[in-house]
Amino acid sequence: MFISNAYAQAAGAAQDTSLMSFLPIILMFVVLYFVMIRPQMKRQKEQKTMLDALAKGDEVITAGGIAGKVTKVSDTFVSVEVSNGVDIQIQKSAVTTLLPKGTLK
């Protein structure tokens, strides 16, 4: 009276429901890839290309907000002239933006 009868289900129905239960998780990973991972990889590639193309005379902005002109480039460090006769040496990875020529005076 209080216990309902149990009936056997078809074997194919169990497989369809398990596949359908994983579909939202798979969709979440696909959206995560296109919204977060792919743009970040693109940004890193652009940053690496910019740092490899860095040359003497380029005008840059550092991660600390210092703007100056590149006077010397080595493998890991860059010398930046921030004022007449004042050069600072920073890591190449601290350069965040390459400015158009003639921006700084």
PDB file of N, CA and C in Angstrom:
ATOM      1  N   MET A   1       0.814  -1.173   0.000  1.00  0.00           N
ATOM      2  CA  MET A   1       0.000   0.000   0.000  1.00  0.00           C
ATOM      3  C   MET A   1       0.874   1.261   0.000  1.00  0.00           C
ATOM      4  N   PHE A   2       1.863   1.363   0.884  1.00  0.00           N
ATOM      5  CA  PHE A   2       2.736   2.525   0.914  1.00  0.00           C
ATOM      6  C   PHE A   2       3.957   2.350   0.018  1.00  0.00           C
ATOM      7  N   ILE A   3       4.261   1.146  -0.377  1.00  0.00           N
ATOM      8  CA  ILE A   3       5.418   0.874  -1.212  1.00  0.00           C
ATOM      9  C   ILE A   3       4.945   0.725  -2.651  1.00  0.00           C
ATOM     10  N   SER A   4       5.565   1.486  -3.562  1.00  0.00           N
ATOM     11  CA  SER A   4       5.159   1.401  -4.959  1.00  0.00           C
ATOM     12  C   SER A   4       5.889   0.253  -5.640  1.00  0.00           C
ATOM     13  N   ASN A   5       5.326  -0.222  -6.692  1.00  0.00           N
ATOM     14  CA  ASN A   5       5.923  -1.320  -7.449  1.00  0.00           C
ATOM     15  C   ASN A   5       7.094  -0.799  -8.276  1.00  0.00           C
ATOM     16  N   ALA A   6       8.163  -1.595  -8.366  1.00  0.00           N
ATOM     17  CA  ALA A   6       9.335  -1.239  -9.158  1.00  0.00           C
ATOM     18  C   ALA A   6       9.264  -1.974 -10.482  1.00  0.00           C
ATOM     19  N   TYR A   7       9.408  -1.261 -11.548  1.00  0.00           N
ATOM     20  CA  TYR A   7       9.377  -1.854 -12.884  1.00  0.00           C
ATOM     21  C   TYR A   7      10.745  -1.678 -13.537  1.00  0.00           C
ATOM     22  N   ALA A   8      11.138  -2.612 -14.326  1.00  0.00           N
ATOM     23  CA  ALA A   8      12.421  -2.560 -15.027  1.00  0.00           C
ATOM     24  C   ALA A   8      12.353  -1.539 -16.152  1.00  0.00           C
ATOM     25  N   GLN A   9      13.456  -0.827 -16.346  1.00  0.00           N
ATOM     26  CA  GLN A   9      13.517   0.150 -17.424  1.00  0.00           C
ATOM     27  C   GLN A   9      14.301  -0.444 -18.595  1.00  0.00           C
ATOM     28  N   ALA A  10      14.161   0.164 -19.741  1.00  0.00           N
ATOM     29  CA  ALA A  10      14.908  -0.277 -20.908  1.00  0.00           C
ATOM     30  C   ALA A  10      16.379   0.066 -20.715  1.00  0.00           C
ATOM     31  N   ALA A  11      17.295  -0.765 -21.244  1.00  0.00           N
ATOM     32  CA  ALA A  11      18.733  -0.590 -21.053  1.00  0.00           C
ATOM     33  C   ALA A  11      19.250   0.671 -21.735  1.00  0.00           C
ATOM     34  N   GLY A  12      18.720   1.054 -22.869  1.00  0.00           N
ATOM     35  CA  GLY A  12      19.186   2.225 -23.607  1.00  0.00           C
ATOM     36  C   GLY A  12      18.894   3.534 -22.903  1.00  0.00           C
ATOM     37  N   ALA A  13      17.888   3.605 -22.122  1.00  0.00           N
ATOM     38  CA  ALA A  13      17.512   4.847 -21.458  1.00  0.00           C
ATOM     39  C   ALA A  13      18.549   5.274 -20.424  1.00  0.00           C
ATOM     40  N   ALA A  14      19.200   4.353 -19.756  1.00  0.00           N
ATOM     41  CA  ALA A  14      20.206   4.680 -18.743  1.00  0.00           C
ATOM     42  C   ALA A  14      21.428   5.331 -19.386  1.00  0.00           C
ATOM     43  N   GLN A  15      21.822   4.887 -20.562  1.00  0.00           N
ATOM     44  CA  GLN A  15      22.982   5.466 -21.237  1.00  0.00           C
ATOM     45  C   GLN A  15      22.680   6.885 -21.713  1.00  0.00           C
ATOM     46  N   ASP A  16      21.507   7.142 -22.199  1.00  0.00           N
ATOM     47  CA  ASP A  16      21.153   8.472 -22.666  1.00  0.00           C
ATOM     48  C   ASP A  16      21.157   9.483 -21.526  1.00  0.00           C
ATOM     49  N   THR A  17      20.668   9.112 -20.377  1.00  0.00           N
ATOM     50  CA  THR A  17      20.621  10.051 -19.262  1.00  0.00           C
ATOM     51  C   THR A  17      22.014  10.341 -18.724  1.00  0.00           C
ATOM     52  N   SER A  18      22.921   9.358 -18.724  1.00  0.00           N
ATOM     53  CA  SER A  18      24.274   9.615 -18.223  1.00  0.00           C
ATOM     54  C   SER A  18      25.022  10.536 -19.187  1.00  0.00           C
ATOM     55  N   LEU A  19      24.810  10.373 -20.482  1.00  0.00           N
ATOM     56  CA  LEU A  19      25.450  11.252 -21.451  1.00  0.00           C
ATOM     57  C   LEU A  19      24.881  12.665 -21.346  1.00  0.00           C
ATOM     58  N   MET A  20      23.617  12.762 -21.162  1.00  0.00           N
ATOM     59  CA  MET A  20      22.976  14.074 -21.041  1.00  0.00           C
ATOM     60  C   MET A  20      23.381  14.775 -19.744  1.00  0.00           C
ATOM     61  N   SER A  21      23.721  14.031 -18.706  1.00  0.00           N
ATOM     62  CA  SER A  21      24.140  14.663 -17.453  1.00  0.00           C
ATOM     63  C   SER A  21      25.547  15.256 -17.573  1.00  0.00           C
ATOM     64  N   PHE A  22      26.402  14.733 -18.474  1.00  0.00           N
ATOM     65  CA  PHE A  22      27.740  15.279 -18.672  1.00  0.00           C
ATOM     66  C   PHE A  22      27.764  16.427 -19.675  1.00  0.00           C
ATOM     67  N   LEU A  23      26.719  16.591 -20.441  1.00  0.00           N
ATOM     68  CA  LEU A  23      26.676  17.636 -21.449  1.00  0.00           C
ATOM     69  C   LEU A  23      26.843  19.047 -20.871  1.00  0.00           C
ATOM     70  N   PRO A  24      26.202  19.424 -19.784  1.00  0.00           N
ATOM     71  CA  PRO A  24      26.432  20.780 -19.223  1.00  0.00           C
ATOM     72  C   PRO A  24      27.876  21.002 -18.774  1.00  0.00           C
ATOM     73  N   ILE A  25      28.500  19.982 -18.233  1.00  0.00           N
ATOM     74  CA  ILE A  25      29.894  20.116 -17.790  1.00  0.00           C
ATOM     75  C   ILE A  25      30.806  20.330 -18.990  1.00  0.00           C
ATOM     76  N   ILE A  26      30.562  19.575 -20.054  1.00  0.00           N
ATOM     77  CA  ILE A  26      31.364  19.727 -21.271  1.00  0.00           C
ATOM     78  C   ILE A  26      31.164  21.118 -21.864  1.00  0.00           C
ATOM     79  N   LEU A  27      29.937  21.587 -21.889  1.00  0.00           N
ATOM     80  CA  LEU A  27      29.659  22.930 -22.406  1.00  0.00           C
ATOM     81  C   LEU A  27      30.328  24.007 -21.567  1.00  0.00           C
ATOM     82  N   MET A  28      30.386  23.825 -20.251  1.00  0.00           N
ATOM     83  CA  MET A  28      31.054  24.795 -19.379  1.00  0.00           C
ATOM     84  C   MET A  28      32.544  24.881 -19.713  1.00  0.00           C
ATOM     85  N   PHE A  29      33.195  23.748 -19.957  1.00  0.00           N
ATOM     86  CA  PHE A  29      34.615  23.763 -20.304  1.00  0.00           C
ATOM     87  C   PHE A  29      34.857  24.420 -21.661  1.00  0.00           C
ATOM     88  N   VAL A  30      33.974  24.202 -22.611  1.00  0.00           N
ATOM     89  CA  VAL A  30      34.109  24.833 -23.925  1.00  0.00           C
ATOM     90  C   VAL A  30      33.970  26.347 -23.796  1.00  0.00           C
ATOM     91  N   VAL A  31      32.979  26.801 -23.060  1.00  0.00           N
ATOM     92  CA  VAL A  31      32.786  28.247 -22.858  1.00  0.00           C
ATOM     93  C   VAL A  31      33.969  28.833 -22.095  1.00  0.00           C
ATOM     94  N   LEU A  32      34.457  28.149 -21.077  1.00  0.00           N
ATOM     95  CA  LEU A  32      35.616  28.605 -20.311  1.00  0.00           C
ATOM     96  C   LEU A  32      36.830  28.776 -21.212  1.00  0.00           C
ATOM     97  N   TYR A  33      37.042  27.845 -22.126  1.00  0.00           N
ATOM     98  CA  TYR A  33      38.181  27.933 -23.038  1.00  0.00           C
ATOM     99  C   TYR A  33      38.075  29.172 -23.917  1.00  0.00           C
ATOM    100  N   PHE A  34      36.908  29.399 -24.532  1.00  0.00           N
ATOM    101  CA  PHE A  34      36.775  30.515 -25.454  1.00  0.00           C
ATOM    102  C   PHE A  34      36.665  31.868 -24.768  1.00  0.00           C
ATOM    103  N   VAL A  35      36.218  31.906 -23.522  1.00  0.00           N
ATOM    104  CA  VAL A  35      36.041  33.181 -22.828  1.00  0.00           C
ATOM    105  C   VAL A  35      37.273  33.580 -22.023  1.00  0.00           C
ATOM    106  N   MET A  36      37.978  32.617 -21.444  1.00  0.00           N
ATOM    107  CA  MET A  36      39.088  32.957 -20.559  1.00  0.00           C
ATOM    108  C   MET A  36      40.455  32.503 -21.059  1.00  0.00           C
ATOM    109  N   ILE A  37      40.595  31.266 -21.435  1.00  0.00           N
ATOM    110  CA  ILE A  37      41.918  30.706 -21.723  1.00  0.00           C
ATOM    111  C   ILE A  37      42.471  31.208 -23.054  1.00  0.00           C
ATOM    112  N   ARG A  38      41.674  31.166 -24.088  1.00  0.00           N
ATOM    113  CA  ARG A  38      42.144  31.566 -25.421  1.00  0.00           C
ATOM    114  C   ARG A  38      42.548  33.042 -25.487  1.00  0.00           C
ATOM    115  N   PRO A  39      41.761  33.981 -24.963  1.00  0.00           N
ATOM    116  CA  PRO A  39      42.202  35.389 -24.996  1.00  0.00           C
ATOM    117  C   PRO A  39      43.482  35.637 -24.189  1.00  0.00           C
ATOM    118  N   GLN A  40      43.637  34.924 -23.074  1.00  0.00           N
ATOM    119  CA  GLN A  40      44.845  35.094 -22.264  1.00  0.00           C
ATOM    120  C   GLN A  40      46.076  34.599 -23.023  1.00  0.00           C
ATOM    121  N   MET A  41      45.949  33.487 -23.726  1.00  0.00           N
ATOM    122  CA  MET A  41      47.069  32.969 -24.515  1.00  0.00           C
ATOM    123  C   MET A  41      47.418  33.944 -25.647  1.00  0.00           C
ATOM    124  N   LYS A  42      46.415  34.562 -26.239  1.00  0.00           N
ATOM    125  CA  LYS A  42      46.642  35.534 -27.308  1.00  0.00           C
ATOM    126  C   LYS A  42      47.374  36.763 -26.766  1.00  0.00           C
ATOM    127  N   ARG A  43      46.965  37.242 -25.581  1.00  0.00           N
ATOM    128  CA  ARG A  43      47.614  38.385 -24.951  1.00  0.00           C
ATOM    129  C   ARG A  43      49.081  38.087 -24.635  1.00  0.00           C
ATOM    130  N   GLN A  44      49.346  36.881 -24.125  1.00  0.00           N
ATOM    131  CA  GLN A  44      50.723  36.510 -23.800  1.00  0.00           C
ATOM    132  C   GLN A  44      51.586  36.452 -25.060  1.00  0.00           C
ATOM    133  N   LYS A  45      51.026  35.958 -26.144  1.00  0.00           N
ATOM    134  CA  LYS A  45      51.767  35.885 -27.402  1.00  0.00           C
ATOM    135  C   LYS A  45      52.089  37.282 -27.916  1.00  0.00           C
ATOM    136  N   GLU A  46      51.135  38.211 -27.852  1.00  0.00           N
ATOM    137  CA  GLU A  46      51.366  39.592 -28.279  1.00  0.00           C
ATOM    138  C   GLU A  46      52.425  40.264 -27.412  1.00  0.00           C
ATOM    139  N   GLN A  47      52.407  40.024 -26.092  1.00  0.00           N
ATOM    140  CA  GLN A  47      53.392  40.601 -25.172  1.00  0.00           C
ATOM    141  C   GLN A  47      54.791  40.079 -25.500  1.00  0.00           C
ATOM    142  N   LYS A  48      54.913  38.795 -25.760  1.00  0.00           N
ATOM    143  CA  LYS A  48      56.214  38.209 -26.091  1.00  0.00           C
ATOM    144  C   LYS A  48      56.743  38.772 -27.405  1.00  0.00           C
ATOM    145  N   THR A  49      55.876  38.935 -28.388  1.00  0.00           N
ATOM    146  CA  THR A  49      56.280  39.501 -29.673  1.00  0.00           C
ATOM    147  C   THR A  49      56.761  40.937 -29.489  1.00  0.00           C
ATOM    148  N   MET A  50      56.062  41.715 -28.671  1.00  0.00           N
ATOM    149  CA  MET A  50      56.444  43.101 -28.419  1.00  0.00           C
ATOM    150  C   MET A  50      57.804  43.172 -27.720  1.00  0.00           C
ATOM    151  N   LEU A  51      58.038  42.307 -26.749  1.00  0.00           N
ATOM    152  CA  LEU A  51      59.307  42.326 -26.029  1.00  0.00           C
ATOM    153  C   LEU A  51      60.465  41.882 -26.922  1.00  0.00           C
ATOM    154  N   ASP A  52      60.218  40.932 -27.812  1.00  0.00           N
ATOM    155  CA  ASP A  52      61.273  40.489 -28.727  1.00  0.00           C
ATOM    156  C   ASP A  52      61.635  41.572 -29.738  1.00  0.00           C
ATOM    157  N   ALA A  53      60.677  42.418 -30.100  1.00  0.00           N
ATOM    158  CA  ALA A  53      60.909  43.476 -31.085  1.00  0.00           C
ATOM    159  C   ALA A  53      61.418  44.764 -30.456  1.00  0.00           C
ATOM    160  N   LEU A  54      61.593  44.791 -29.144  1.00  0.00           N
ATOM    161  CA  LEU A  54      62.035  45.988 -28.448  1.00  0.00           C
ATOM    162  C   LEU A  54      63.437  46.378 -28.927  1.00  0.00           C
ATOM    163  N   ALA A  55      63.629  47.661 -29.283  1.00  0.00           N
ATOM    164  CA  ALA A  55      64.918  48.121 -29.800  1.00  0.00           C
ATOM    165  C   ALA A  55      65.265  49.482 -29.202  1.00  0.00           C
ATOM    166  N   LYS A  56      66.517  49.882 -29.402  1.00  0.00           N
ATOM    167  CA  LYS A  56      66.997  51.170 -28.915  1.00  0.00           C
ATOM    168  C   LYS A  56      66.211  52.287 -29.601  1.00  0.00           C
ATOM    169  N   GLY A  57      65.767  53.275 -28.811  1.00  0.00           N
ATOM    170  CA  GLY A  57      65.018  54.400 -29.354  1.00  0.00           C
ATOM    171  C   GLY A  57      63.514  54.255 -29.201  1.00  0.00           C
ATOM    172  N   ASP A  58      63.023  53.069 -28.838  1.00  0.00           N
ATOM    173  CA  ASP A  58      61.588  52.882 -28.629  1.00  0.00           C
ATOM    174  C   ASP A  58      61.156  53.586 -27.358  1.00  0.00           C
ATOM    175  N   GLU A  59      59.938  54.083 -27.352  1.00  0.00           N
ATOM    176  CA  GLU A  59      59.377  54.735 -26.168  1.00  0.00           C
ATOM    177  C   GLU A  59      58.415  53.754 -25.507  1.00  0.00           C
ATOM    178  N   VAL A  60      58.582  53.546 -24.202  1.00  0.00           N
ATOM    179  CA  VAL A  60      57.842  52.502 -23.497  1.00  0.00           C
ATOM    180  C   VAL A  60      57.254  53.026 -22.193  1.00  0.00           C
ATOM    181  N   ILE A  61      56.299  52.245 -21.666  1.00  0.00           N
ATOM    182  CA  ILE A  61      55.766  52.460 -20.325  1.00  0.00           C
ATOM    183  C   ILE A  61      55.979  51.162 -19.562  1.00  0.00           C
ATOM    184  N   THR A  62      56.463  51.281 -18.323  1.00  0.00           N
ATOM    185  CA  THR A  62      56.734  50.096 -17.514  1.00  0.00           C
ATOM    186  C   THR A  62      55.509  49.729 -16.676  1.00  0.00           C
ATOM    187  N   ALA A  63      55.608  48.595 -16.002  1.00  0.00           N
ATOM    188  CA  ALA A  63      54.509  48.140 -15.136  1.00  0.00           C
ATOM    189  C   ALA A  63      54.280  49.106 -13.977  1.00  0.00           C
ATOM    190  N   GLY A  64      55.309  49.836 -13.578  1.00  0.00           N
ATOM    191  CA  GLY A  64      55.176  50.806 -12.497  1.00  0.00           C
ATOM    192  C   GLY A  64      54.671  52.163 -12.949  1.00  0.00           C
ATOM    193  N   GLY A  65      54.461  52.318 -14.261  1.00  0.00           N
ATOM    194  CA  GLY A  65      53.942  53.580 -14.775  1.00  0.00           C
ATOM    195  C   GLY A  65      55.007  54.554 -15.211  1.00  0.00           C
ATOM    196  N   ILE A  66      56.252  54.132 -15.258  1.00  0.00           N
ATOM    197  CA  ILE A  66      57.346  55.007 -15.667  1.00  0.00           C
ATOM    198  C   ILE A  66      57.434  55.008 -17.192  1.00  0.00           C
ATOM    199  N   ALA A  67      57.461  56.182 -17.772  1.00  0.00           N
ATOM    200  CA  ALA A  67      57.577  56.321 -19.222  1.00  0.00           C
ATOM    201  C   ALA A  67      58.982  56.793 -19.563  1.00  0.00           C
ATOM    202  N   GLY A  68      59.539  56.242 -20.622  1.00  0.00           N
ATOM    203  CA  GLY A  68      60.879  56.646 -21.028  1.00  0.00           C
ATOM    204  C   GLY A  68      61.259  56.067 -22.367  1.00  0.00           C
ATOM    205  N   LYS A  69      62.498  56.383 -22.764  1.00  0.00           N
ATOM    206  CA  LYS A  69      63.027  55.944 -24.053  1.00  0.00           C
ATOM    207  C   LYS A  69      64.087  54.875 -23.815  1.00  0.00           C
ATOM    208  N   VAL A  70      64.015  53.788 -24.566  1.00  0.00           N
ATOM    209  CA  VAL A  70      64.959  52.677 -24.422  1.00  0.00           C
ATOM    210  C   VAL A  70      66.312  53.116 -24.965  1.00  0.00           C
ATOM    211  N   THR A  71      67.372  52.920 -24.131  1.00  0.00           N
ATOM    212  CA  THR A  71      68.719  53.274 -24.557  1.00  0.00           C
ATOM    213  C   THR A  71      69.595  52.051 -24.777  1.00  0.00           C
ATOM    214  N   LYS A  72      69.250  50.947 -24.133  1.00  0.00           N
ATOM    215  CA  LYS A  72      70.060  49.738 -24.271  1.00  0.00           C
ATOM    216  C   LYS A  72      69.172  48.525 -24.006  1.00  0.00           C
ATOM    217  N   VAL A  73      69.318  47.490 -24.835  1.00  0.00           N
ATOM    218  CA  VAL A  73      68.518  46.269 -24.689  1.00  0.00           C
ATOM    219  C   VAL A  73      69.463  45.083 -24.573  1.00  0.00           C
ATOM    220  N   SER A  74      69.256  44.269 -23.532  1.00  0.00           N
ATOM    221  CA  SER A  74      69.998  43.016 -23.406  1.00  0.00           C
ATOM    222  C   SER A  74      68.988  41.870 -23.328  1.00  0.00           C
ATOM    223  N   ASP A  75      69.458  40.680 -23.004  1.00  0.00           N
ATOM    224  CA  ASP A  75      68.561  39.518 -22.978  1.00  0.00           C
ATOM    225  C   ASP A  75      67.463  39.643 -21.929  1.00  0.00           C
ATOM    226  N   THR A  76      67.815  40.098 -20.732  1.00  0.00           N
ATOM    227  CA  THR A  76      66.830  40.142 -19.652  1.00  0.00           C
ATOM    228  C   THR A  76      66.546  41.549 -19.124  1.00  0.00           C
ATOM    229  N   PHE A  77      67.445  42.503 -19.415  1.00  0.00           N
ATOM    230  CA  PHE A  77      67.277  43.849 -18.884  1.00  0.00           C
ATOM    231  C   PHE A  77      67.215  44.891 -19.991  1.00  0.00           C
ATOM    232  N   VAL A  78      66.589  46.027 -19.667  1.00  0.00           N
ATOM    233  CA  VAL A  78      66.464  47.153 -20.591  1.00  0.00           C
ATOM    234  C   VAL A  78      66.837  48.411 -19.827  1.00  0.00           C
ATOM    235  N   SER A  79      67.639  49.266 -20.441  1.00  0.00           N
ATOM    236  CA  SER A  79      67.945  50.576 -19.858  1.00  0.00           C
ATOM    237  C   SER A  79      66.983  51.585 -20.461  1.00  0.00           C
ATOM    238  N   VAL A  80      66.309  52.328 -19.590  1.00  0.00           N
ATOM    239  CA  VAL A  80      65.310  53.298 -20.026  1.00  0.00           C
ATOM    240  C   VAL A  80      65.726  54.679 -19.522  1.00  0.00           C
ATOM    241  N   GLU A  81      65.772  55.652 -20.442  1.00  0.00           N
ATOM    242  CA  GLU A  81      66.089  57.031 -20.074  1.00  0.00           C
ATOM    243  C   GLU A  81      64.780  57.726 -19.716  1.00  0.00           C
ATOM    244  N   VAL A  82      64.637  58.092 -18.432  1.00  0.00           N
ATOM    245  CA  VAL A  82      63.408  58.714 -17.956  1.00  0.00           C
ATOM    246  C   VAL A  82      63.491  60.238 -17.976  1.00  0.00           C
ATOM    247  N   SER A  83      64.707  60.756 -17.969  1.00  0.00           N
ATOM    248  CA  SER A  83      64.941  62.188 -18.046  1.00  0.00           C
ATOM    249  C   SER A  83      66.321  62.373 -18.663  1.00  0.00           C
ATOM    250  N   ASN A  84      66.694  63.590 -18.994  1.00  0.00           N
ATOM    251  CA  ASN A  84      68.015  63.821 -19.590  1.00  0.00           C
ATOM    252  C   ASN A  84      69.110  63.342 -18.641  1.00  0.00           C
ATOM    253  N   GLY A  85      69.864  62.345 -19.062  1.00  0.00           N
ATOM    254  CA  GLY A  85      70.977  61.834 -18.267  1.00  0.00           C
ATOM    255  C   GLY A  85      70.589  60.876 -17.156  1.00  0.00           C
ATOM    256  N   VAL A  86      69.328  60.562 -17.002  1.00  0.00           N
ATOM    257  CA  VAL A  86      68.880  59.646 -15.949  1.00  0.00           C
ATOM    258  C   VAL A  86      68.401  58.346 -16.596  1.00  0.00           C
ATOM    259  N   ASP A  87      69.206  57.306 -16.443  1.00  0.00           N
ATOM    260  CA  ASP A  87      68.852  55.988 -16.979  1.00  0.00           C
ATOM    261  C   ASP A  87      68.539  55.036 -15.834  1.00  0.00           C
ATOM    262  N   ILE A  88      67.502  54.247 -16.014  1.00  0.00           N
ATOM    263  CA  ILE A  88      67.205  53.192 -15.047  1.00  0.00           C
ATOM    264  C   ILE A  88      67.244  51.867 -15.790  1.00  0.00           C
ATOM    265  N   GLN A  89      67.630  50.849 -15.054  1.00  0.00           N
ATOM    266  CA  GLN A  89      67.699  49.520 -15.643  1.00  0.00           C
ATOM    267  C   GLN A  89      66.561  48.689 -15.064  1.00  0.00           C
ATOM    268  N   ILE A  90      65.730  48.134 -15.938  1.00  0.00           N
ATOM    269  CA  ILE A  90      64.575  47.347 -15.502  1.00  0.00           C
ATOM    270  C   ILE A  90      64.581  46.007 -16.230  1.00  0.00           C
ATOM    271  N   GLN A  91      63.796  45.076 -15.708  1.00  0.00           N
ATOM    272  CA  GLN A  91      63.645  43.802 -16.395  1.00  0.00           C
ATOM    273  C   GLN A  91      62.799  43.999 -17.635  1.00  0.00           C
ATOM    274  N   LYS A  92      63.093  43.202 -18.643  1.00  0.00           N
ATOM    275  CA  LYS A  92      62.346  43.303 -19.891  1.00  0.00           C
ATOM    276  C   LYS A  92      60.862  43.016 -19.678  1.00  0.00           C
ATOM    277  N   SER A  93      60.566  42.099 -18.782  1.00  0.00           N
ATOM    278  CA  SER A  93      59.172  41.728 -18.543  1.00  0.00           C
ATOM    279  C   SER A  93      58.368  42.843 -17.886  1.00  0.00           C
ATOM    280  N   ALA A  94      59.043  43.874 -17.342  1.00  0.00           N
ATOM    281  CA  ALA A  94      58.338  44.992 -16.712  1.00  0.00           C
ATOM    282  C   ALA A  94      57.820  45.991 -17.736  1.00  0.00           C
ATOM    283  N   VAL A  95      58.245  45.877 -18.989  1.00  0.00           N
ATOM    284  CA  VAL A  95      57.750  46.769 -20.044  1.00  0.00           C
ATOM    285  C   VAL A  95      56.371  46.276 -20.444  1.00  0.00           C
ATOM    286  N   THR A  96      55.372  47.141 -20.321  1.00  0.00           N
ATOM    287  CA  THR A  96      54.001  46.736 -20.621  1.00  0.00           C
ATOM    288  C   THR A  96      53.466  47.311 -21.921  1.00  0.00           C
ATOM    289  N   THR A  97      53.889  48.523 -22.288  1.00  0.00           N
ATOM    290  CA  THR A  97      53.330  49.186 -23.463  1.00  0.00           C
ATOM    291  C   THR A  97      54.431  49.810 -24.302  1.00  0.00           C
ATOM    292  N   LEU A  98      54.313  49.638 -25.587  1.00  0.00           N
ATOM    293  CA  LEU A  98      55.212  50.283 -26.534  1.00  0.00           C
ATOM    294  C   LEU A  98      54.465  51.469 -27.129  1.00  0.00           C
ATOM    295  N   LEU A  99      54.991  52.675 -26.913  1.00  0.00           N
ATOM    296  CA  LEU A  99      54.318  53.902 -27.360  1.00  0.00           C
ATOM    297  C   LEU A  99      54.723  54.231 -28.805  1.00  0.00           C
ATOM    298  N   PRO A 100      53.879  54.962 -29.517  1.00  0.00           N
ATOM    299  CA  PRO A 100      54.271  55.429 -30.859  1.00  0.00           C
ATOM    300  C   PRO A 100      55.443  56.409 -30.762  1.00  0.00           C
ATOM    301  N   LYS A 101      56.261  56.440 -31.800  1.00  0.00           N
ATOM    302  CA  LYS A 101      57.434  57.335 -31.820  1.00  0.00           C
ATOM    303  C   LYS A 101      56.989  58.792 -31.686  1.00  0.00           C
ATOM    304  N   GLY A 102      57.725  59.570 -30.884  1.00  0.00           N
ATOM    305  CA  GLY A 102      57.418  60.984 -30.718  1.00  0.00           C
ATOM    306  C   GLY A 102      56.399  61.281 -29.637  1.00  0.00           C
ATOM    307  N   THR A 103      55.952  60.272 -28.897  1.00  0.00           N
ATOM    308  CA  THR A 103      54.982  60.517 -27.834  1.00  0.00           C
ATOM    309  C   THR A 103      55.621  61.280 -26.680  1.00  0.00           C
ATOM    310  N   LEU A 104      56.839  60.872 -26.319  1.00  0.00           N
ATOM    311  CA  LEU A 104      57.546  61.546 -25.215  1.00  0.00           C
ATOM    312  C   LEU A 104      58.447  62.628 -25.793  1.00  0.00           C
ATOM    313  N   LYS A 105      58.577  63.724 -25.068  1.00  0.00           N
ATOM    314  CA  LYS A 105      59.456  64.813 -25.520  1.00  0.00           C
ATOM    315  C   LYS A 105      60.489  65.125 -24.504  1.00  0.00           C
TER     316      LYS A 105
END
